[in-house]
Amino acid sequence: PVRRAYAHAIAERYRFYSYGDACLFLPERRA
């Protein structure tokens, strides 16, 4: 999932690193 997310971010021209854009990882809630 991380590799897919980063490939998407690069294709969509997200800005990277300290002054860049953000990710929110939301796994499914635990049972």
Full PDB file with SEQRES, HELIX, SHEET, SSBOND, CRYST1, ORIGX, SCALE, CONECT and MASTER records, all heavy atoms in Angstrom:
SEQRES   1 A   31  PRO VAL ARG ARG ALA TYR ALA HIS ALA ILE ALA GLU ARG          
SEQRES   2 A   31  TYR ARG PHE TYR SER TYR GLY ASP ALA CYS LEU PHE LEU          
SEQRES   3 A   31  PRO GLU ARG ARG ALA                                          
HELIX    1 AA1 VAL A    2  ALA A   11  1                                  10    
CRYST1    1.000    1.000    1.000  90.00  90.00  90.00 P 1           1          
ORIGX1      1.000000  0.000000  0.000000        0.00000                         
ORIGX2      0.000000  1.000000  0.000000        0.00000                         
ORIGX3      0.000000  0.000000  1.000000        0.00000                         
SCALE1      1.000000  0.000000  0.000000        0.00000                         
SCALE2      0.000000  1.000000  0.000000        0.00000                         
SCALE3      0.000000  0.000000  1.000000        0.00000                         
ATOM      1  N   PRO A   1       0.805  -1.221   0.000  1.00  0.00           N  
ATOM      2  CA  PRO A   1       0.000   0.000   0.000  1.00  0.00           C  
ATOM      3  C   PRO A   1       0.840   1.275   0.000  1.00  0.00           C  
ATOM      4  O   PRO A   1       0.480   2.257  -0.662  1.00  0.00           O  
ATOM      5  CB  PRO A   1      -0.820  -0.124   1.289  1.00  0.00           C  
ATOM      6  CG  PRO A   1      -0.941  -1.593   1.510  1.00  0.00           C  
ATOM      7  CD  PRO A   1       0.380  -2.150   1.069  1.00  0.00           C  
ATOM      8  N   VAL A   2       1.960   1.269   0.706  1.00  0.00           N  
ATOM      9  CA  VAL A   2       2.821   2.443   0.718  1.00  0.00           C  
ATOM     10  C   VAL A   2       3.426   2.675  -0.656  1.00  0.00           C  
ATOM     11  O   VAL A   2       3.473   3.818  -1.156  1.00  0.00           O  
ATOM     12  CB  VAL A   2       3.925   2.304   1.791  1.00  0.00           C  
ATOM     13  CG1 VAL A   2       5.023   3.351   1.596  1.00  0.00           C  
ATOM     14  CG2 VAL A   2       3.318   2.446   3.180  1.00  0.00           C  
ATOM     15  N   ARG A   3       3.863   1.623  -1.311  1.00  0.00           N  
ATOM     16  CA  ARG A   3       4.439   1.776  -2.650  1.00  0.00           C  
ATOM     17  C   ARG A   3       3.387   2.308  -3.635  1.00  0.00           C  
ATOM     18  O   ARG A   3       3.684   3.157  -4.480  1.00  0.00           O  
ATOM     19  CB  ARG A   3       5.025   0.451  -3.128  1.00  0.00           C  
ATOM     20  CG  ARG A   3       6.273   0.033  -2.342  1.00  0.00           C  
ATOM     21  CD  ARG A   3       6.708  -1.378  -2.704  1.00  0.00           C  
ATOM     22  NE  ARG A   3       7.263  -1.434  -4.042  1.00  0.00           N  
ATOM     23  CZ  ARG A   3       8.557  -1.279  -4.321  1.00  0.00           C  
ATOM     24  NH1 ARG A   3       9.422  -1.052  -3.349  1.00  0.00           N  
ATOM     25  NH2 ARG A   3       8.995  -1.361  -5.558  1.00  0.00           N  
ATOM     26  N   ARG A   4       2.152   1.817  -3.516  1.00  0.00           N  
ATOM     27  CA  ARG A   4       1.093   2.338  -4.394  1.00  0.00           C  
ATOM     28  C   ARG A   4       0.793   3.800  -4.081  1.00  0.00           C  
ATOM     29  O   ARG A   4       0.572   4.611  -4.996  1.00  0.00           O  
ATOM     30  CB  ARG A   4      -0.177   1.486  -4.245  1.00  0.00           C  
ATOM     31  CG  ARG A   4      -0.059   0.092  -4.860  1.00  0.00           C  
ATOM     32  CD  ARG A   4      -1.411  -0.581  -4.966  1.00  0.00           C  
ATOM     33  NE  ARG A   4      -1.999  -0.898  -3.676  1.00  0.00           N  
ATOM     34  CZ  ARG A   4      -1.789  -2.047  -3.016  1.00  0.00           C  
ATOM     35  NH1 ARG A   4      -0.986  -2.972  -3.534  1.00  0.00           N  
ATOM     36  NH2 ARG A   4      -2.386  -2.281  -1.865  1.00  0.00           N  
ATOM     37  N   ALA A   5       0.784   4.144  -2.802  1.00  0.00           N  
ATOM     38  CA  ALA A   5       0.509   5.528  -2.410  1.00  0.00           C  
ATOM     39  C   ALA A   5       1.581   6.476  -2.940  1.00  0.00           C  
ATOM     40  O   ALA A   5       1.275   7.560  -3.461  1.00  0.00           O  
ATOM     41  CB  ALA A   5       0.409   5.629  -0.888  1.00  0.00           C  
ATOM     42  N   TYR A   6       2.841   6.077  -2.838  1.00  0.00           N  
ATOM     43  CA  TYR A   6       3.922   6.940  -3.293  1.00  0.00           C  
ATOM     44  C   TYR A   6       3.931   7.054  -4.818  1.00  0.00           C  
ATOM     45  O   TYR A   6       4.201   8.133  -5.372  1.00  0.00           O  
ATOM     46  CB  TYR A   6       5.261   6.438  -2.760  1.00  0.00           C  
ATOM     47  CG  TYR A   6       5.603   7.029  -1.406  1.00  0.00           C  
ATOM     48  CD1 TYR A   6       4.723   6.893  -0.334  1.00  0.00           C  
ATOM     49  CD2 TYR A   6       6.776   7.735  -1.198  1.00  0.00           C  
ATOM     50  CE1 TYR A   6       5.011   7.439   0.904  1.00  0.00           C  
ATOM     51  CE2 TYR A   6       7.076   8.291   0.038  1.00  0.00           C  
ATOM     52  CZ  TYR A   6       6.197   8.133   1.091  1.00  0.00           C  
ATOM     53  OH  TYR A   6       6.475   8.696   2.309  1.00  0.00           O  
ATOM     54  N   ALA A   7       3.626   5.980  -5.513  1.00  0.00           N  
ATOM     55  CA  ALA A   7       3.534   6.045  -6.977  1.00  0.00           C  
ATOM     56  C   ALA A   7       2.422   7.005  -7.389  1.00  0.00           C  
ATOM     57  O   ALA A   7       2.579   7.807  -8.337  1.00  0.00           O  
ATOM     58  CB  ALA A   7       3.294   4.649  -7.553  1.00  0.00           C  
ATOM     59  N   HIS A   8       1.294   6.947  -6.691  1.00  0.00           N  
ATOM     60  CA  HIS A   8       0.184   7.859  -6.966  1.00  0.00           C  
ATOM     61  C   HIS A   8       0.588   9.302  -6.682  1.00  0.00           C  
ATOM     62  O   HIS A   8       0.295  10.209  -7.488  1.00  0.00           O  
ATOM     63  CB  HIS A   8      -1.017   7.461  -6.099  1.00  0.00           C  
ATOM     64  CG  HIS A   8      -2.180   8.399  -6.208  1.00  0.00           C  
ATOM     65  ND1 HIS A   8      -3.155   8.268  -7.172  1.00  0.00           N  
ATOM     66  CD2 HIS A   8      -2.527   9.492  -5.459  1.00  0.00           C  
ATOM     67  CE1 HIS A   8      -4.052   9.230  -7.029  1.00  0.00           C  
ATOM     68  NE2 HIS A   8      -3.694   9.982  -5.992  1.00  0.00           N  
ATOM     69  N   ALA A   9       1.255   9.521  -5.544  1.00  0.00           N  
ATOM     70  CA  ALA A   9       1.647  10.885  -5.170  1.00  0.00           C  
ATOM     71  C   ALA A   9       2.611  11.483  -6.195  1.00  0.00           C  
ATOM     72  O   ALA A   9       2.506  12.665  -6.549  1.00  0.00           O  
ATOM     73  CB  ALA A   9       2.289  10.875  -3.787  1.00  0.00           C  
ATOM     74  N   ILE A  10       3.525  10.685  -6.700  1.00  0.00           N  
ATOM     75  CA  ILE A  10       4.472  11.180  -7.702  1.00  0.00           C  
ATOM     76  C   ILE A  10       3.745  11.478  -9.009  1.00  0.00           C  
ATOM     77  O   ILE A  10       3.954  12.530  -9.636  1.00  0.00           O  
ATOM     78  CB  ILE A  10       5.610  10.167  -7.904  1.00  0.00           C  
ATOM     79  CG1 ILE A  10       6.487  10.100  -6.643  1.00  0.00           C  
ATOM     80  CG2 ILE A  10       6.459  10.535  -9.127  1.00  0.00           C  
ATOM     81  CD1 ILE A  10       7.481   8.959  -6.643  1.00  0.00           C  
ATOM     82  N   ALA A  11       2.843  10.595  -9.421  1.00  0.00           N  
ATOM     83  CA  ALA A  11       2.095  10.799 -10.666  1.00  0.00           C  
ATOM     84  C   ALA A  11       1.206  12.035 -10.584  1.00  0.00           C  
ATOM     85  O   ALA A  11       1.023  12.753 -11.574  1.00  0.00           O  
ATOM     86  CB  ALA A  11       1.255   9.560 -10.978  1.00  0.00           C  
ATOM     87  N   GLU A  12       0.668  12.305  -9.384  1.00  0.00           N  
ATOM     88  CA  GLU A  12      -0.235  13.442  -9.192  1.00  0.00           C  
ATOM     89  C   GLU A  12       0.500  14.703  -8.750  1.00  0.00           C  
ATOM     90  O   GLU A  12      -0.127  15.704  -8.406  1.00  0.00           O  
ATOM     91  CB  GLU A  12      -1.316  13.082  -8.163  1.00  0.00           C  
ATOM     92  CG  GLU A  12      -2.252  11.975  -8.614  1.00  0.00           C  
ATOM     93  CD  GLU A  12      -3.044  12.376  -9.848  1.00  0.00           C  
ATOM     94  OE1 GLU A  12      -3.493  13.547  -9.909  1.00  0.00           O  
ATOM     95  OE2 GLU A  12      -3.200  11.525 -10.743  1.00  0.00           O  
ATOM     96  N   ARG A  13       1.818  14.659  -8.740  1.00  0.00           N  
ATOM     97  CA  ARG A  13       2.666  15.821  -8.467  1.00  0.00           C  
ATOM     98  C   ARG A  13       2.490  16.376  -7.060  1.00  0.00           C  
ATOM     99  O   ARG A  13       2.473  17.585  -6.832  1.00  0.00           O  
ATOM    100  CB  ARG A  13       2.423  16.940  -9.499  1.00  0.00           C  
ATOM    101  CG  ARG A  13       2.418  16.479 -10.943  1.00  0.00           C  
ATOM    102  CD  ARG A  13       3.767  16.003 -11.400  1.00  0.00           C  
ATOM    103  NE  ARG A  13       4.742  17.095 -11.539  1.00  0.00           N  
ATOM    104  CZ  ARG A  13       6.006  16.929 -11.846  1.00  0.00           C  
ATOM    105  NH1 ARG A  13       6.478  15.690 -12.050  1.00  0.00           N  
ATOM    106  NH2 ARG A  13       6.814  17.953 -11.960  1.00  0.00           N  
ATOM    107  N   TYR A  14       2.359  15.496  -6.099  1.00  0.00           N  
ATOM    108  CA  TYR A  14       2.405  15.940  -4.704  1.00  0.00           C  
ATOM    109  C   TYR A  14       3.798  16.497  -4.416  1.00  0.00           C  
ATOM    110  O   TYR A  14       4.785  16.151  -5.067  1.00  0.00           O  
ATOM    111  CB  TYR A  14       2.113  14.771  -3.766  1.00  0.00           C  
ATOM    112  CG  TYR A  14       0.648  14.493  -3.514  1.00  0.00           C  
ATOM    113  CD1 TYR A  14      -0.165  13.977  -4.523  1.00  0.00           C  
ATOM    114  CD2 TYR A  14       0.081  14.736  -2.276  1.00  0.00           C  
ATOM    115  CE1 TYR A  14      -1.503  13.712  -4.300  1.00  0.00           C  
ATOM    116  CE2 TYR A  14      -1.265  14.476  -2.031  1.00  0.00           C  
ATOM    117  CZ  TYR A  14      -2.053  13.962  -3.045  1.00  0.00           C  
ATOM    118  OH  TYR A  14      -3.387  13.708  -2.819  1.00  0.00           O  
ATOM    119  N   ARG A  15       3.885  17.349  -3.401  1.00  0.00           N  
ATOM    120  CA  ARG A  15       5.154  17.944  -2.984  1.00  0.00           C  
ATOM    121  C   ARG A  15       5.725  17.109  -1.837  1.00  0.00           C  
ATOM    122  O   ARG A  15       5.003  16.759  -0.899  1.00  0.00           O  
ATOM    123  CB  ARG A  15       4.938  19.403  -2.568  1.00  0.00           C  
ATOM    124  CG  ARG A  15       4.320  20.232  -3.694  1.00  0.00           C  
ATOM    125  CD  ARG A  15       3.765  21.551  -3.212  1.00  0.00           C  
ATOM    126  NE  ARG A  15       4.819  22.510  -2.931  1.00  0.00           N  
ATOM    127  CZ  ARG A  15       5.139  22.963  -1.713  1.00  0.00           C  
ATOM    128  NH1 ARG A  15       4.476  22.512  -0.650  1.00  0.00           N  
ATOM    129  NH2 ARG A  15       6.088  23.843  -1.556  1.00  0.00           N  
ATOM    130  N   PHE A  16       7.025  16.839  -1.882  1.00  0.00           N  
ATOM    131  CA  PHE A  16       7.632  15.881  -0.965  1.00  0.00           C  
ATOM    132  C   PHE A  16       8.505  16.552   0.099  1.00  0.00           C  
ATOM    133  O   PHE A  16       8.989  17.666  -0.055  1.00  0.00           O  
ATOM    134  CB  PHE A  16       8.490  14.888  -1.754  1.00  0.00           C  
ATOM    135  CG  PHE A  16       7.710  13.705  -2.279  1.00  0.00           C  
ATOM    136  CD1 PHE A  16       6.669  13.889  -3.180  1.00  0.00           C  
ATOM    137  CD2 PHE A  16       8.005  12.405  -1.861  1.00  0.00           C  
ATOM    138  CE1 PHE A  16       5.954  12.808  -3.668  1.00  0.00           C  
ATOM    139  CE2 PHE A  16       7.288  11.312  -2.346  1.00  0.00           C  
ATOM    140  CZ  PHE A  16       6.260  11.524  -3.255  1.00  0.00           C  
ATOM    141  N   TYR A  17       8.686  15.791   1.179  1.00  0.00           N  
ATOM    142  CA  TYR A  17       9.644  16.045   2.263  1.00  0.00           C  
ATOM    143  C   TYR A  17       9.158  17.145   3.221  1.00  0.00           C  
ATOM    144  O   TYR A  17       7.964  17.396   3.323  1.00  0.00           O  
ATOM    145  CB  TYR A  17      11.047  16.302   1.736  1.00  0.00           C  
ATOM    146  CG  TYR A  17      11.595  15.198   0.848  1.00  0.00           C  
ATOM    147  CD1 TYR A  17      12.649  15.444  -0.017  1.00  0.00           C  
ATOM    148  CD2 TYR A  17      11.050  13.915   0.847  1.00  0.00           C  
ATOM    149  CE1 TYR A  17      13.167  14.445  -0.836  1.00  0.00           C  
ATOM    150  CE2 TYR A  17      11.561  12.913   0.029  1.00  0.00           C  
ATOM    151  CZ  TYR A  17      12.618  13.183  -0.813  1.00  0.00           C  
ATOM    152  OH  TYR A  17      13.129  12.196  -1.624  1.00  0.00           O  
ATOM    153  N   SER A  18      10.065  17.782   3.933  1.00  0.00           N  
ATOM    154  CA  SER A  18       9.721  18.571   5.121  1.00  0.00           C  
ATOM    155  C   SER A  18       8.689  19.664   4.863  1.00  0.00           C  
ATOM    156  O   SER A  18       7.784  19.881   5.667  1.00  0.00           O  
ATOM    157  CB  SER A  18      10.985  19.204   5.708  1.00  0.00           C  
ATOM    158  OG  SER A  18      11.856  18.222   6.200  1.00  0.00           O  
ATOM    159  N   TYR A  19       8.834  20.396   3.771  1.00  0.00           N  
ATOM    160  CA  TYR A  19       7.908  21.482   3.458  1.00  0.00           C  
ATOM    161  C   TYR A  19       6.819  21.035   2.486  1.00  0.00           C  
ATOM    162  O   TYR A  19       6.108  21.864   1.914  1.00  0.00           O  
ATOM    163  CB  TYR A  19       8.665  22.664   2.860  1.00  0.00           C  
ATOM    164  CG  TYR A  19       9.335  23.581   3.872  1.00  0.00           C  
ATOM    165  CD1 TYR A  19      10.448  24.353   3.504  1.00  0.00           C  
ATOM    166  CD2 TYR A  19       8.861  23.709   5.169  1.00  0.00           C  
ATOM    167  CE1 TYR A  19      11.059  25.207   4.404  1.00  0.00           C  
ATOM    168  CE2 TYR A  19       9.470  24.559   6.076  1.00  0.00           C  
ATOM    169  CZ  TYR A  19      10.569  25.312   5.696  1.00  0.00           C  
ATOM    170  OH  TYR A  19      11.167  26.172   6.598  1.00  0.00           O  
ATOM    171  N   GLY A  20       6.661  19.738   2.297  1.00  0.00           N  
ATOM    172  CA  GLY A  20       5.747  19.232   1.295  1.00  0.00           C  
ATOM    173  C   GLY A  20       4.374  18.880   1.834  1.00  0.00           C  
ATOM    174  O   GLY A  20       3.946  19.343   2.903  1.00  0.00           O  
ATOM    175  N   ASP A  21       3.678  18.035   1.090  1.00  0.00           N  
ATOM    176  CA  ASP A  21       2.314  17.630   1.411  1.00  0.00           C  
ATOM    177  C   ASP A  21       2.314  16.480   2.417  1.00  0.00           C  
ATOM    178  O   ASP A  21       3.365  16.084   2.917  1.00  0.00           O  
ATOM    179  CB  ASP A  21       1.585  17.240   0.122  1.00  0.00           C  
ATOM    180  CG  ASP A  21       1.431  18.420  -0.834  1.00  0.00           C  
ATOM    181  OD1 ASP A  21       1.091  19.520  -0.357  1.00  0.00           O  
ATOM    182  OD2 ASP A  21       1.662  18.242  -2.052  1.00  0.00           O  
ATOM    183  N   ALA A  22       1.125  15.946   2.705  1.00  0.00           N  
ATOM    184  CA  ALA A  22       0.998  14.973   3.790  1.00  0.00           C  
ATOM    185  C   ALA A  22       0.220  13.740   3.358  1.00  0.00           C  
ATOM    186  O   ALA A  22      -0.503  13.754   2.358  1.00  0.00           O  
ATOM    187  CB  ALA A  22       0.309  15.616   4.994  1.00  0.00           C  
ATOM    188  N   CYS A  23       0.389  12.682   4.160  1.00  0.00           N  
ATOM    189  CA  CYS A  23      -0.370  11.431   4.032  1.00  0.00           C  
ATOM    190  C   CYS A  23      -1.117  11.190   5.342  1.00  0.00           C  
ATOM    191  O   CYS A  23      -0.578  11.464   6.416  1.00  0.00           O  
ATOM    192  CB  CYS A  23       0.566  10.246   3.825  1.00  0.00           C  
ATOM    193  SG  CYS A  23       0.881   9.796   2.126  1.00  0.00           S  
ATOM    194  N   LEU A  24      -2.307  10.647   5.238  1.00  0.00           N  
ATOM    195  CA  LEU A  24      -3.028  10.180   6.422  1.00  0.00           C  
ATOM    196  C   LEU A  24      -3.309   8.702   6.226  1.00  0.00           C  
ATOM    197  O   LEU A  24      -4.077   8.311   5.333  1.00  0.00           O  
ATOM    198  CB  LEU A  24      -4.337  10.948   6.611  1.00  0.00           C  
ATOM    199  CG  LEU A  24      -5.219  10.481   7.772  1.00  0.00           C  
ATOM    200  CD1 LEU A  24      -4.510  10.677   9.116  1.00  0.00           C  
ATOM    201  CD2 LEU A  24      -6.564  11.204   7.760  1.00  0.00           C  
ATOM    202  N   PHE A  25      -2.658   7.868   7.032  1.00  0.00           N  
ATOM    203  CA  PHE A  25      -2.856   6.421   6.973  1.00  0.00           C  
ATOM    204  C   PHE A  25      -3.960   6.033   7.950  1.00  0.00           C  
ATOM    205  O   PHE A  25      -3.827   6.239   9.162  1.00  0.00           O  
ATOM    206  CB  PHE A  25      -1.560   5.689   7.300  1.00  0.00           C  
ATOM    207  CG  PHE A  25      -0.495   5.854   6.246  1.00  0.00           C  
ATOM    208  CD1 PHE A  25       0.543   6.756   6.419  1.00  0.00           C  
ATOM    209  CD2 PHE A  25      -0.538   5.117   5.073  1.00  0.00           C  
ATOM    210  CE1 PHE A  25       1.516   6.917   5.452  1.00  0.00           C  
ATOM    211  CE2 PHE A  25       0.426   5.268   4.095  1.00  0.00           C  
ATOM    212  CZ  PHE A  25       1.461   6.172   4.277  1.00  0.00           C  
ATOM    213  N   LEU A  26      -5.044   5.475   7.398  1.00  0.00           N  
ATOM    214  CA  LEU A  26      -6.212   5.105   8.194  1.00  0.00           C  
ATOM    215  C   LEU A  26      -6.512   3.616   8.019  1.00  0.00           C  
ATOM    216  O   LEU A  26      -7.387   3.229   7.222  1.00  0.00           O  
ATOM    217  CB  LEU A  26      -7.434   5.932   7.759  1.00  0.00           C  
ATOM    218  CG  LEU A  26      -7.469   7.405   8.141  1.00  0.00           C  
ATOM    219  CD1 LEU A  26      -8.717   8.070   7.546  1.00  0.00           C  
ATOM    220  CD2 LEU A  26      -7.470   7.582   9.655  1.00  0.00           C  
ATOM    221  N   PRO A  27      -5.820   2.757   8.743  1.00  0.00           N  
ATOM    222  CA  PRO A  27      -6.155   1.329   8.686  1.00  0.00           C  
ATOM    223  C   PRO A  27      -7.552   1.075   9.225  1.00  0.00           C  
ATOM    224  O   PRO A  27      -8.149   1.927   9.903  1.00  0.00           O  
ATOM    225  CB  PRO A  27      -5.098   0.683   9.594  1.00  0.00           C  
ATOM    226  CG  PRO A  27      -4.023   1.714   9.754  1.00  0.00           C  
ATOM    227  CD  PRO A  27      -4.698   3.032   9.648  1.00  0.00           C  
ATOM    228  N   GLU A  28      -8.095  -0.084   8.889  1.00  0.00           N  
ATOM    229  CA  GLU A  28      -9.404  -0.450   9.440  1.00  0.00           C  
ATOM    230  C   GLU A  28      -9.346  -0.504  10.950  1.00  0.00           C  
ATOM    231  O   GLU A  28      -8.329  -0.851  11.541  1.00  0.00           O  
ATOM    232  CB  GLU A  28      -9.848  -1.807   8.886  1.00  0.00           C  
ATOM    233  CG  GLU A  28     -10.185  -1.787   7.394  1.00  0.00           C  
ATOM    234  CD  GLU A  28     -10.729  -3.124   6.941  1.00  0.00           C  
ATOM    235  OE1 GLU A  28     -10.882  -4.035   7.795  1.00  0.00           O  
ATOM    236  OE2 GLU A  28     -10.994  -3.262   5.733  1.00  0.00           O  
ATOM    237  N   ARG A  29     -10.474  -0.148  11.557  1.00  0.00           N  
ATOM    238  CA  ARG A  29     -10.520  -0.212  13.021  1.00  0.00           C  
ATOM    239  C   ARG A  29     -10.339  -1.642  13.497  1.00  0.00           C  
ATOM    240  O   ARG A  29     -10.798  -2.594  12.857  1.00  0.00           O  
ATOM    241  CB  ARG A  29     -11.875   0.318  13.523  1.00  0.00           C  
ATOM    242  CG  ARG A  29     -11.984   1.840  13.485  1.00  0.00           C  
ATOM    243  CD  ARG A  29     -13.317   2.278  14.075  1.00  0.00           C  
ATOM    244  NE  ARG A  29     -13.460   3.718  14.109  1.00  0.00           N  
ATOM    245  CZ  ARG A  29     -13.080   4.468  15.121  1.00  0.00           C  
ATOM    246  NH1 ARG A  29     -12.517   3.917  16.176  1.00  0.00           N  
ATOM    247  NH2 ARG A  29     -13.260   5.770  15.097  1.00  0.00           N  
ATOM    248  N   ARG A  30      -9.697  -1.752  14.655  1.00  0.00           N  
ATOM    249  CA  ARG A  30      -9.526  -3.102  15.233  1.00  0.00           C  
ATOM    250  C   ARG A  30     -10.844  -3.652  15.711  1.00  0.00           C  
ATOM    251  O   ARG A  30     -11.726  -2.916  16.126  1.00  0.00           O  
ATOM    252  CB  ARG A  30      -8.562  -3.034  16.421  1.00  0.00           C  
ATOM    253  CG  ARG A  30      -7.227  -2.427  16.071  1.00  0.00           C  
ATOM    254  CD  ARG A  30      -6.377  -2.392  17.302  1.00  0.00           C  
ATOM    255  NE  ARG A  30      -5.467  -1.262  17.246  1.00  0.00           N  
ATOM    256  CZ  ARG A  30      -4.419  -1.142  18.030  1.00  0.00           C  
ATOM    257  NH1 ARG A  30      -4.151  -2.055  18.922  1.00  0.00           N  
ATOM    258  NH2 ARG A  30      -3.638  -0.094  17.937  1.00  0.00           N  
ATOM    259  N   ALA A  31     -10.957  -4.941  15.628  1.00  0.00           N  
ATOM    260  CA  ALA A  31     -12.197  -5.585  16.095  1.00  0.00           C  
ATOM    261  C   ALA A  31     -12.322  -5.467  17.599  1.00  0.00           C  
ATOM    262  O   ALA A  31     -11.337  -5.464  18.314  1.00  0.00           O  
ATOM    263  CB  ALA A  31     -12.183  -7.053  15.680  1.00  0.00           C  
TER     264      ALA A  31                                                      
MASTER        0    0    0    1    0    0    0    6  263    1    0    3          
END                                                                             
